[in-house]
Amino acid sequence: MLQTGCTCEDVPTVEGKGEGNFALSLTADDIKTEVTTRTGEDEQEEGTTPIDVSSFKVSLRNKEGISVFQDKAYSSLTPNDRNLPVDTDYQIEVESCSEEEATTANDGWGQMRFTGKAQFNIENNKTTDLSINCTLKNAGLQIIFDPSYTTKFPTYAVTTVDSRSLTFKSSNKGVTAYYDAPEGSETVPVKLKVTGSKGGWEDRVNKEKDVSIAVGKITKLTIIYDENSGNIDIEFGTDKDTNTDDSDVTVGDTTEE
């Protein structure tokens, strides 16, 4: 006995069944910074930090919010990870590190935190191309000590006045501190304590100053001693691709009674 319901040419297709895959491409903008000091063109510094996305963590959920996979390194995604049942509204999220790691890594100095996300559909026997550009979600701070300051005060430091109490000094030149921004804010307030001395009671400085650093950038602050005014100035160097102007902020007189 032979029973047939259809011919090969007339096999019915059921919408929403089948499989497809996605091709994921990750990028992250290089971080560019520029420092401008008063000592002339020869003292200007410019740098670019290339971002390696291979270790960025990728997490995928379906439209019901059920995890397909979580925190898989971008470089370790397999063809099987990219093959999915036909469906709509898949959610993919990417981050370079967790929020906690962004402030606790590197002995408490923190690290850059890039994130990105996308929503996509999977169609039967088709490849969905995804391109996600991850952006920097925290704020970086570097302190540069100008020769005018270090000559005047051979012993010097700048300490952040917060729970982390990070100290910038000669032995950790070039270190960057990273800060999370308050929800919905594009800047992070930071209080700095500037100290310096020649080793005696004269020519000492111990001042505090509030500054604001921008999310998505590494801001470099240059500590300068102004011989003409006898003041300590903080000069702001910002991301070279922005329209933010440099400005000087007077901290105060260098001598203490």
Foldseek 3Di string as FASTA:
>chain_A
DDDDDDDPVPDDDDPQFAKFFEDEAEAEDWAKWWDDDPPDPVPIDIDTHHDDQQQKFKWKAAPVRHTPDTGDGNVPDDRVSGMDGFDFWIKMKIKRDDPVQQQPPPPRLGDWIWIWMDTGTTDHHYYHYYYIYTFTQKEKEAEAEDPQRCVLFVFWWKFWPDPSGDIDGDVDHPRIHIDHDDPPDQKDKIKIWIWGHNPDQWQIATFIDIDITGTRHHKYWYWHQDPVVQWIWIWIITGPPDPDDIDIDTGDHRTDD
